[in-house]
Amino acid sequence: MNGQETAETLALQAVSWLIGQSELIPRFFEATGATVDDLAGLVRDPVFLGAVLDFLLTEDALVMAFCDASGLAYDRPMQARAQLPGGPGPHWT
């Protein structure tokens, strides 16, 4: 797997995790503009997968909860985000 494929796999894990979080999924749909019906098509889109990680990265608590549940290091979502369209974030130097 290349870097983008690995990042897409991690983002798909995040989608699965988010779907199981009843208190978060409405916020996720609101933030992304997606609906339950849209998910089947959107999960094939690297841009959408980047948006999934963007949502996750909005709060440290979300990153920690996802990583704890998935057995991942806390820096993995940010590393994956950098491999998808729209990443990495801006450099302020």
PDB file of N, CA and C in Angstrom:
ATOM      1  N   MET A   1       0.834  -1.186   0.000  1.00  0.00           N
ATOM      2  CA  MET A   1       0.000   0.000   0.000  1.00  0.00           C
ATOM      3  C   MET A   1       0.874   1.243   0.000  1.00  0.00           C
ATOM      4  N   ASN A   2       0.447   2.258  -0.752  1.00  0.00           N
ATOM      5  CA  ASN A   2       1.176   3.517  -0.710  1.00  0.00           C
ATOM      6  C   ASN A   2       0.608   4.397   0.401  1.00  0.00           C
ATOM      7  N   GLY A   3       1.197   5.578   0.559  1.00  0.00           N
ATOM      8  CA  GLY A   3       0.777   6.465   1.640  1.00  0.00           C
ATOM      9  C   GLY A   3      -0.680   6.871   1.559  1.00  0.00           C
ATOM     10  N   GLN A   4      -1.170   7.172   0.351  1.00  0.00           N
ATOM     11  CA  GLN A   4      -2.560   7.582   0.221  1.00  0.00           C
ATOM     12  C   GLN A   4      -3.498   6.419   0.516  1.00  0.00           C
ATOM     13  N   GLU A   5      -3.150   5.217   0.059  1.00  0.00           N
ATOM     14  CA  GLU A   5      -4.008   4.062   0.343  1.00  0.00           C
ATOM     15  C   GLU A   5      -4.078   3.788   1.841  1.00  0.00           C
ATOM     16  N   THR A   6      -2.956   3.896   2.505  1.00  0.00           N
ATOM     17  CA  THR A   6      -2.928   3.701   3.955  1.00  0.00           C
ATOM     18  C   THR A   6      -3.772   4.766   4.647  1.00  0.00           C
ATOM     19  N   ALA A   7      -3.662   6.011   4.182  1.00  0.00           N
ATOM     20  CA  ALA A   7      -4.449   7.104   4.755  1.00  0.00           C
ATOM     21  C   ALA A   7      -5.941   6.884   4.518  1.00  0.00           C
ATOM     22  N   GLU A   8      -6.297   6.418   3.326  1.00  0.00           N
ATOM     23  CA  GLU A   8      -7.705   6.143   3.036  1.00  0.00           C
ATOM     24  C   GLU A   8      -8.245   5.041   3.939  1.00  0.00           C
ATOM     25  N   THR A   9      -7.440   4.029   4.187  1.00  0.00           N
ATOM     26  CA  THR A   9      -7.856   2.942   5.074  1.00  0.00           C
ATOM     27  C   THR A   9      -8.109   3.468   6.485  1.00  0.00           C
ATOM     28  N   LEU A  10      -7.217   4.317   6.980  1.00  0.00           N
ATOM     29  CA  LEU A  10      -7.401   4.892   8.314  1.00  0.00           C
ATOM     30  C   LEU A  10      -8.657   5.761   8.338  1.00  0.00           C
ATOM     31  N   ALA A  11      -8.889   6.541   7.285  1.00  0.00           N
ATOM     32  CA  ALA A  11     -10.086   7.381   7.230  1.00  0.00           C
ATOM     33  C   ALA A  11     -11.352   6.530   7.200  1.00  0.00           C
ATOM     34  N   LEU A  12     -11.310   5.404   6.510  1.00  0.00           N
ATOM     35  CA  LEU A  12     -12.462   4.487   6.513  1.00  0.00           C
ATOM     36  C   LEU A  12     -12.711   3.933   7.914  1.00  0.00           C
ATOM     37  N   GLN A  13     -11.635   3.652   8.637  1.00  0.00           N
ATOM     38  CA  GLN A  13     -11.784   3.228  10.039  1.00  0.00           C
ATOM     39  C   GLN A  13     -12.466   4.335  10.838  1.00  0.00           C
ATOM     40  N   ALA A  14     -12.088   5.571  10.563  1.00  0.00           N
ATOM     41  CA  ALA A  14     -12.688   6.703  11.275  1.00  0.00           C
ATOM     42  C   ALA A  14     -14.170   6.823  10.946  1.00  0.00           C
ATOM     43  N   VAL A  15     -14.545   6.613   9.681  1.00  0.00           N
ATOM     44  CA  VAL A  15     -15.962   6.642   9.305  1.00  0.00           C
ATOM     45  C   VAL A  15     -16.720   5.581  10.093  1.00  0.00           C
ATOM     46  N   SER A  16     -16.192   4.376  10.127  1.00  0.00           N
ATOM     47  CA  SER A  16     -16.848   3.288  10.867  1.00  0.00           C
ATOM     48  C   SER A  16     -16.999   3.637  12.336  1.00  0.00           C
ATOM     49  N   TRP A  17     -15.954   4.206  12.909  1.00  0.00           N
ATOM     50  CA  TRP A  17     -15.993   4.589  14.318  1.00  0.00           C
ATOM     51  C   TRP A  17     -17.036   5.678  14.539  1.00  0.00           C
ATOM     52  N   LEU A  18     -17.045   6.690  13.665  1.00  0.00           N
ATOM     53  CA  LEU A  18     -17.997   7.789  13.814  1.00  0.00           C
ATOM     54  C   LEU A  18     -19.444   7.311  13.734  1.00  0.00           C
ATOM     55  N   ILE A  19     -19.713   6.389  12.828  1.00  0.00           N
ATOM     56  CA  ILE A  19     -21.076   5.867  12.680  1.00  0.00           C
ATOM     57  C   ILE A  19     -21.554   5.231  13.980  1.00  0.00           C
ATOM     58  N   GLY A  20     -20.645   4.654  14.726  1.00  0.00           N
ATOM     59  CA  GLY A  20     -20.998   4.038  15.990  1.00  0.00           C
ATOM     60  C   GLY A  20     -21.112   5.010  17.154  1.00  0.00           C
ATOM     61  N   GLN A  21     -20.850   6.277  16.915  1.00  0.00           N
ATOM     62  CA  GLN A  21     -20.896   7.294  17.976  1.00  0.00           C
ATOM     63  C   GLN A  21     -22.170   8.127  17.817  1.00  0.00           C
ATOM     64  N   SER A  22     -23.247   7.688  18.430  1.00  0.00           N
ATOM     65  CA  SER A  22     -24.552   8.322  18.221  1.00  0.00           C
ATOM     66  C   SER A  22     -24.559   9.807  18.570  1.00  0.00           C
ATOM     67  N   GLU A  23     -23.721  10.228  19.508  1.00  0.00           N
ATOM     68  CA  GLU A  23     -23.694  11.645  19.876  1.00  0.00           C
ATOM     69  C   GLU A  23     -22.873  12.474  18.888  1.00  0.00           C
ATOM     70  N   LEU A  24     -21.979  11.843  18.133  1.00  0.00           N
ATOM     71  CA  LEU A  24     -21.133  12.570  17.189  1.00  0.00           C
ATOM     72  C   LEU A  24     -21.649  12.581  15.761  1.00  0.00           C
ATOM     73  N   ILE A  25     -22.342  11.554  15.363  1.00  0.00           N
ATOM     74  CA  ILE A  25     -22.703  11.412  13.948  1.00  0.00           C
ATOM     75  C   ILE A  25     -23.562  12.575  13.441  1.00  0.00           C
ATOM     76  N   PRO A  26     -24.493  13.127  14.229  1.00  0.00           N
ATOM     77  CA  PRO A  26     -25.221  14.303  13.718  1.00  0.00           C
ATOM     78  C   PRO A  26     -24.291  15.499  13.476  1.00  0.00           C
ATOM     79  N   ARG A  27     -23.336  15.709  14.364  1.00  0.00           N
ATOM     80  CA  ARG A  27     -22.352  16.793  14.178  1.00  0.00           C
ATOM     81  C   ARG A  27     -21.514  16.557  12.933  1.00  0.00           C
ATOM     82  N   PHE A  28     -21.140  15.313  12.712  1.00  0.00           N
ATOM     83  CA  PHE A  28     -20.349  14.967  11.537  1.00  0.00           C
ATOM     84  C   PHE A  28     -21.134  15.259  10.262  1.00  0.00           C
ATOM     85  N   PHE A  29     -22.386  14.818  10.208  1.00  0.00           N
ATOM     86  CA  PHE A  29     -23.206  15.070   9.021  1.00  0.00           C
ATOM     87  C   PHE A  29     -23.413  16.567   8.811  1.00  0.00           C
ATOM     88  N   GLU A  30     -23.624  17.298   9.885  1.00  0.00           N
ATOM     89  CA  GLU A  30     -23.796  18.741   9.775  1.00  0.00           C
ATOM     90  C   GLU A  30     -22.514  19.404   9.258  1.00  0.00           C
ATOM     91  N   ALA A  31     -21.386  18.992   9.766  1.00  0.00           N
ATOM     92  CA  ALA A  31     -20.111  19.596   9.378  1.00  0.00           C
ATOM     93  C   ALA A  31     -19.734  19.285   7.934  1.00  0.00           C
ATOM     94  N   THR A  32     -20.059  18.089   7.475  1.00  0.00           N
ATOM     95  CA  THR A  32     -19.646  17.681   6.127  1.00  0.00           C
ATOM     96  C   THR A  32     -20.733  17.909   5.081  1.00  0.00           C
ATOM     97  N   GLY A  33     -21.968  18.061   5.513  1.00  0.00           N
ATOM     98  CA  GLY A  33     -23.066  18.187   4.569  1.00  0.00           C
ATOM     99  C   GLY A  33     -23.509  16.851   3.994  1.00  0.00           C
ATOM    100  N   ALA A  34     -22.916  15.780   4.455  1.00  0.00           N
ATOM    101  CA  ALA A  34     -23.259  14.438   3.983  1.00  0.00           C
ATOM    102  C   ALA A  34     -24.511  13.940   4.703  1.00  0.00           C
ATOM    103  N   THR A  35     -25.119  12.916   4.125  1.00  0.00           N
ATOM    104  CA  THR A  35     -26.242  12.237   4.755  1.00  0.00           C
ATOM    105  C   THR A  35     -25.919  10.746   4.816  1.00  0.00           C
ATOM    106  N   VAL A  36     -26.702  10.009   5.551  1.00  0.00           N
ATOM    107  CA  VAL A  36     -26.522   8.562   5.625  1.00  0.00           C
ATOM    108  C   VAL A  36     -26.582   7.957   4.222  1.00  0.00           C
ATOM    109  N   ASP A  37     -27.510   8.442   3.417  1.00  0.00           N
ATOM    110  CA  ASP A  37     -27.664   7.915   2.059  1.00  0.00           C
ATOM    111  C   ASP A  37     -26.458   8.208   1.169  1.00  0.00           C
ATOM    112  N   ASP A  38     -25.732   9.280   1.471  1.00  0.00           N
ATOM    113  CA  ASP A  38     -24.562   9.659   0.675  1.00  0.00           C
ATOM    114  C   ASP A  38     -23.328   8.807   0.963  1.00  0.00           C
ATOM    115  N   LEU A  39     -23.267   8.224   2.138  1.00  0.00           N
ATOM    116  CA  LEU A  39     -22.028   7.593   2.602  1.00  0.00           C
ATOM    117  C   LEU A  39     -21.474   6.521   1.666  1.00  0.00           C
ATOM    118  N   ALA A  40     -22.315   5.687   1.131  1.00  0.00           N
ATOM    119  CA  ALA A  40     -21.825   4.585   0.289  1.00  0.00           C
ATOM    120  C   ALA A  40     -20.992   5.096  -0.878  1.00  0.00           C
ATOM    121  N   GLY A  41     -21.411   6.179  -1.482  1.00  0.00           N
ATOM    122  CA  GLY A  41     -20.643   6.745  -2.587  1.00  0.00           C
ATOM    123  C   GLY A  41     -19.471   7.585  -2.127  1.00  0.00           C
ATOM    124  N   LEU A  42     -19.658   8.327  -1.053  1.00  0.00           N
ATOM    125  CA  LEU A  42     -18.624   9.250  -0.596  1.00  0.00           C
ATOM    126  C   LEU A  42     -17.386   8.565  -0.032  1.00  0.00           C
ATOM    127  N   VAL A  43     -17.547   7.394   0.549  1.00  0.00           N
ATOM    128  CA  VAL A  43     -16.385   6.736   1.161  1.00  0.00           C
ATOM    129  C   VAL A  43     -15.352   6.290   0.128  1.00  0.00           C
ATOM    130  N   ARG A  44     -15.686   6.406  -1.145  1.00  0.00           N
ATOM    131  CA  ARG A  44     -14.727   6.098  -2.216  1.00  0.00           C
ATOM    132  C   ARG A  44     -13.976   7.348  -2.670  1.00  0.00           C
ATOM    133  N   ASP A  45     -14.338   8.501  -2.126  1.00  0.00           N
ATOM    134  CA  ASP A  45     -13.780   9.785  -2.546  1.00  0.00           C
ATOM    135  C   ASP A  45     -12.690  10.230  -1.574  1.00  0.00           C
ATOM    136  N   PRO A  46     -11.438  10.307  -2.027  1.00  0.00           N
ATOM    137  CA  PRO A  46     -10.351  10.725  -1.137  1.00  0.00           C
ATOM    138  C   PRO A  46     -10.559  12.118  -0.537  1.00  0.00           C
ATOM    139  N   VAL A  47     -11.226  13.008  -1.259  1.00  0.00           N
ATOM    140  CA  VAL A  47     -11.499  14.347  -0.721  1.00  0.00           C
ATOM    141  C   VAL A  47     -12.444  14.241   0.475  1.00  0.00           C
ATOM    142  N   PHE A  48     -13.491  13.422   0.361  1.00  0.00           N
ATOM    143  CA  PHE A  48     -14.403  13.219   1.481  1.00  0.00           C
ATOM    144  C   PHE A  48     -13.676  12.565   2.652  1.00  0.00           C
ATOM    145  N   LEU A  49     -12.831  11.590   2.365  1.00  0.00           N
ATOM    146  CA  LEU A  49     -12.084  10.934   3.446  1.00  0.00           C
ATOM    147  C   LEU A  49     -11.194  11.938   4.164  1.00  0.00           C
ATOM    148  N   GLY A  50     -10.651  12.896   3.429  1.00  0.00           N
ATOM    149  CA  GLY A  50      -9.900  13.977   4.068  1.00  0.00           C
ATOM    150  C   GLY A  50     -10.788  14.797   4.978  1.00  0.00           C
ATOM    151  N   ALA A  51     -12.035  15.044   4.542  1.00  0.00           N
ATOM    152  CA  ALA A  51     -12.984  15.792   5.364  1.00  0.00           C
ATOM    153  C   ALA A  51     -13.328  15.026   6.640  1.00  0.00           C
ATOM    154  N   VAL A  52     -13.382  13.708   6.540  1.00  0.00           N
ATOM    155  CA  VAL A  52     -13.628  12.879   7.732  1.00  0.00           C
ATOM    156  C   VAL A  52     -12.510  13.120   8.743  1.00  0.00           C
ATOM    157  N   LEU A  53     -11.275  13.082   8.272  1.00  0.00           N
ATOM    158  CA  LEU A  53     -10.154  13.294   9.186  1.00  0.00           C
ATOM    159  C   LEU A  53     -10.109  14.734   9.674  1.00  0.00           C
ATOM    160  N   ASP A  54     -10.483  15.686   8.825  1.00  0.00           N
ATOM    161  CA  ASP A  54     -10.561  17.083   9.278  1.00  0.00           C
ATOM    162  C   ASP A  54     -11.527  17.198  10.455  1.00  0.00           C
ATOM    163  N   PHE A  55     -12.680  16.547  10.338  1.00  0.00           N
ATOM    164  CA  PHE A  55     -13.655  16.574  11.427  1.00  0.00           C
ATOM    165  C   PHE A  55     -13.060  15.967  12.688  1.00  0.00           C
ATOM    166  N   LEU A  56     -12.437  14.827  12.544  1.00  0.00           N
ATOM    167  CA  LEU A  56     -11.840  14.146  13.686  1.00  0.00           C
ATOM    168  C   LEU A  56     -10.789  15.023  14.362  1.00  0.00           C
ATOM    169  N   LEU A  57     -10.014  15.722  13.551  1.00  0.00           N
ATOM    170  CA  LEU A  57      -8.909  16.522  14.065  1.00  0.00           C
ATOM    171  C   LEU A  57      -9.344  17.843  14.687  1.00  0.00           C
ATOM    172  N   THR A  58     -10.644  18.131  14.695  1.00  0.00           N
ATOM    173  CA  THR A  58     -11.105  19.387  15.294  1.00  0.00           C
ATOM    174  C   THR A  58     -10.981  19.399  16.807  1.00  0.00           C
ATOM    175  N   GLU A  59     -10.921  18.230  17.415  1.00  0.00           N
ATOM    176  CA  GLU A  59     -10.851  18.158  18.878  1.00  0.00           C
ATOM    177  C   GLU A  59      -9.891  17.054  19.296  1.00  0.00           C
ATOM    178  N   ASP A  60      -9.005  17.385  20.204  1.00  0.00           N
ATOM    179  CA  ASP A  60      -8.079  16.376  20.727  1.00  0.00           C
ATOM    180  C   ASP A  60      -8.819  15.186  21.315  1.00  0.00           C
ATOM    181  N   ALA A  61      -9.945  15.456  21.987  1.00  0.00           N
ATOM    182  CA  ALA A  61     -10.705  14.371  22.616  1.00  0.00           C
ATOM    183  C   ALA A  61     -11.214  13.380  21.571  1.00  0.00           C
ATOM    184  N   LEU A  62     -11.599  13.875  20.391  1.00  0.00           N
ATOM    185  CA  LEU A  62     -12.059  12.976  19.323  1.00  0.00           C
ATOM    186  C   LEU A  62     -10.911  12.120  18.813  1.00  0.00           C
ATOM    187  N   VAL A  63      -9.770  12.750  18.603  1.00  0.00           N
ATOM    188  CA  VAL A  63      -8.597  12.008  18.139  1.00  0.00           C
ATOM    189  C   VAL A  63      -8.245  10.917  19.148  1.00  0.00           C
ATOM    190  N   MET A  64      -8.211  11.288  20.401  1.00  0.00           N
ATOM    191  CA  MET A  64      -7.832  10.331  21.434  1.00  0.00           C
ATOM    192  C   MET A  64      -8.842   9.189  21.525  1.00  0.00           C
ATOM    193  N   ALA A  65     -10.124   9.494  21.475  1.00  0.00           N
ATOM    194  CA  ALA A  65     -11.149   8.451  21.570  1.00  0.00           C
ATOM    195  C   ALA A  65     -11.055   7.498  20.382  1.00  0.00           C
ATOM    196  N   PHE A  66     -10.914   8.051  19.174  1.00  0.00           N
ATOM    197  CA  PHE A  66     -10.793   7.203  17.988  1.00  0.00           C
ATOM    198  C   PHE A  66      -9.540   6.347  18.060  1.00  0.00           C
ATOM    199  N   CYS A  67      -8.412   6.951  18.387  1.00  0.00           N
ATOM    200  CA  CYS A  67      -7.158   6.204  18.430  1.00  0.00           C
ATOM    201  C   CYS A  67      -7.172   5.146  19.520  1.00  0.00           C
ATOM    202  N   ASP A  68      -7.731   5.478  20.671  1.00  0.00           N
ATOM    203  CA  ASP A  68      -7.833   4.490  21.748  1.00  0.00           C
ATOM    204  C   ASP A  68      -8.688   3.302  21.308  1.00  0.00           C
ATOM    205  N   ALA A  69      -9.800   3.590  20.653  1.00  0.00           N
ATOM    206  CA  ALA A  69     -10.699   2.528  20.203  1.00  0.00           C
ATOM    207  C   ALA A  69     -10.082   1.695  19.084  1.00  0.00           C
ATOM    208  N   SER A  70      -9.193   2.313  18.303  1.00  0.00           N
ATOM    209  CA  SER A  70      -8.609   1.643  17.136  1.00  0.00           C
ATOM    210  C   SER A  70      -7.204   1.105  17.372  1.00  0.00           C
ATOM    211  N   GLY A  71      -6.654   1.369  18.554  1.00  0.00           N
ATOM    212  CA  GLY A  71      -5.305   0.904  18.847  1.00  0.00           C
ATOM    213  C   GLY A  71      -4.232   1.625  18.042  1.00  0.00           C
ATOM    214  N   LEU A  72      -4.451   2.903  17.776  1.00  0.00           N
ATOM    215  CA  LEU A  72      -3.511   3.692  16.977  1.00  0.00           C
ATOM    216  C   LEU A  72      -2.811   4.739  17.833  1.00  0.00           C
ATOM    217  N   ALA A  73      -1.631   5.126  17.411  1.00  0.00           N
ATOM    218  CA  ALA A  73      -0.937   6.244  18.048  1.00  0.00           C
ATOM    219  C   ALA A  73      -1.695   7.526  17.732  1.00  0.00           C
ATOM    220  N   TYR A  74      -1.660   8.494  18.644  1.00  0.00           N
ATOM    221  CA  TYR A  74      -2.439   9.715  18.503  1.00  0.00           C
ATOM    222  C   TYR A  74      -2.033  10.565  17.296  1.00  0.00           C
ATOM    223  N   ASP A  75      -0.843  10.376  16.779  1.00  0.00           N
ATOM    224  CA  ASP A  75      -0.410  11.183  15.636  1.00  0.00           C
ATOM    225  C   ASP A  75      -0.821  10.591  14.284  1.00  0.00           C
ATOM    226  N   ARG A  76      -1.353   9.402  14.271  1.00  0.00           N
ATOM    227  CA  ARG A  76      -1.708   8.737  13.002  1.00  0.00           C
ATOM    228  C   ARG A  76      -2.779   9.462  12.195  1.00  0.00           C
ATOM    229  N   PRO A  77      -3.863   9.974  12.809  1.00  0.00           N
ATOM    230  CA  PRO A  77      -4.842  10.693  11.984  1.00  0.00           C
ATOM    231  C   PRO A  77      -4.246  11.918  11.277  1.00  0.00           C
ATOM    232  N   MET A  78      -3.397  12.662  11.945  1.00  0.00           N
ATOM    233  CA  MET A  78      -2.791  13.830  11.311  1.00  0.00           C
ATOM    234  C   MET A  78      -1.835  13.406  10.195  1.00  0.00           C
ATOM    235  N   GLN A  79      -1.087  12.350  10.427  1.00  0.00           N
ATOM    236  CA  GLN A  79      -0.201  11.839   9.376  1.00  0.00           C
ATOM    237  C   GLN A  79      -1.015  11.384   8.173  1.00  0.00           C
ATOM    238  N   ALA A  80      -2.122  10.700   8.418  1.00  0.00           N
ATOM    239  CA  ALA A  80      -2.976  10.242   7.323  1.00  0.00           C
ATOM    240  C   ALA A  80      -3.579  11.431   6.587  1.00  0.00           C
ATOM    241  N   ARG A  81      -3.992  12.446   7.328  1.00  0.00           N
ATOM    242  CA  ARG A  81      -4.605  13.619   6.691  1.00  0.00           C
ATOM    243  C   ARG A  81      -3.643  14.266   5.700  1.00  0.00           C
ATOM    244  N   ALA A  82      -2.377  14.284   6.023  1.00  0.00           N
ATOM    245  CA  ALA A  82      -1.371  14.897   5.149  1.00  0.00           C
ATOM    246  C   ALA A  82      -1.234  14.154   3.822  1.00  0.00           C
ATOM    247  N   GLN A  83      -1.669  12.900   3.775  1.00  0.00           N
ATOM    248  CA  GLN A  83      -1.547  12.084   2.565  1.00  0.00           C
ATOM    249  C   GLN A  83      -2.759  12.186   1.634  1.00  0.00           C
ATOM    250  N   LEU A  84      -3.810  12.844   2.079  1.00  0.00           N
ATOM    251  CA  LEU A  84      -5.039  12.938   1.294  1.00  0.00           C
ATOM    252  C   LEU A  84      -5.164  14.329   0.668  1.00  0.00           C
ATOM    253  N   PRO A  85      -5.973  14.452  -0.389  1.00  0.00           N
ATOM    254  CA  PRO A  85      -6.147  15.758  -1.028  1.00  0.00           C
ATOM    255  C   PRO A  85      -6.545  16.834  -0.020  1.00  0.00           C
ATOM    256  N   GLY A  86      -5.907  17.985  -0.147  1.00  0.00           N
ATOM    257  CA  GLY A  86      -6.177  19.085   0.775  1.00  0.00           C
ATOM    258  C   GLY A  86      -5.227  19.133   1.948  1.00  0.00           C
ATOM    259  N   GLY A  87      -4.449  18.090   2.169  1.00  0.00           N
ATOM    260  CA  GLY A  87      -3.456  18.067   3.248  1.00  0.00           C
ATOM    261  C   GLY A  87      -2.093  18.204   2.628  1.00  0.00           C
ATOM    262  N   PRO A  88      -1.079  18.500   3.276  1.00  0.00           N
ATOM    263  CA  PRO A  88      -1.025  18.890   4.692  1.00  0.00           C
ATOM    264  C   PRO A  88      -1.501  20.315   4.893  1.00  0.00           C
ATOM    265  N   GLY A  89      -1.688  20.657   6.157  1.00  0.00           N
ATOM    266  CA  GLY A  89      -2.161  21.995   6.477  1.00  0.00           C
ATOM    267  C   GLY A  89      -1.126  23.056   6.171  1.00  0.00           C
ATOM    268  N   PRO A  90      -1.498  24.307   6.379  1.00  0.00           N
ATOM    269  CA  PRO A  90      -0.589  25.420   6.073  1.00  0.00           C
ATOM    270  C   PRO A  90       0.603  25.458   7.025  1.00  0.00           C
ATOM    271  N   HIS A  91       1.674  25.964   6.495  1.00  0.00           N
ATOM    272  CA  HIS A  91       2.855  26.227   7.329  1.00  0.00           C
ATOM    273  C   HIS A  91       2.857  27.695   7.660  1.00  0.00           C
ATOM    274  N   TRP A  92       3.015  28.021   8.914  1.00  0.00           N
ATOM    275  CA  TRP A  92       2.955  29.410   9.354  1.00  0.00           C
ATOM    276  C   TRP A  92       4.329  29.981   9.606  1.00  0.00           C
ATOM    277  N   THR A  93       5.338  29.360   9.004  1.00  0.00           N
ATOM    278  CA  THR A  93       6.707  29.861   9.200  1.00  0.00           C
ATOM    279  C   THR A  93       7.169  30.684   8.033  1.00  0.00           C
TER     280      THR A  93
END
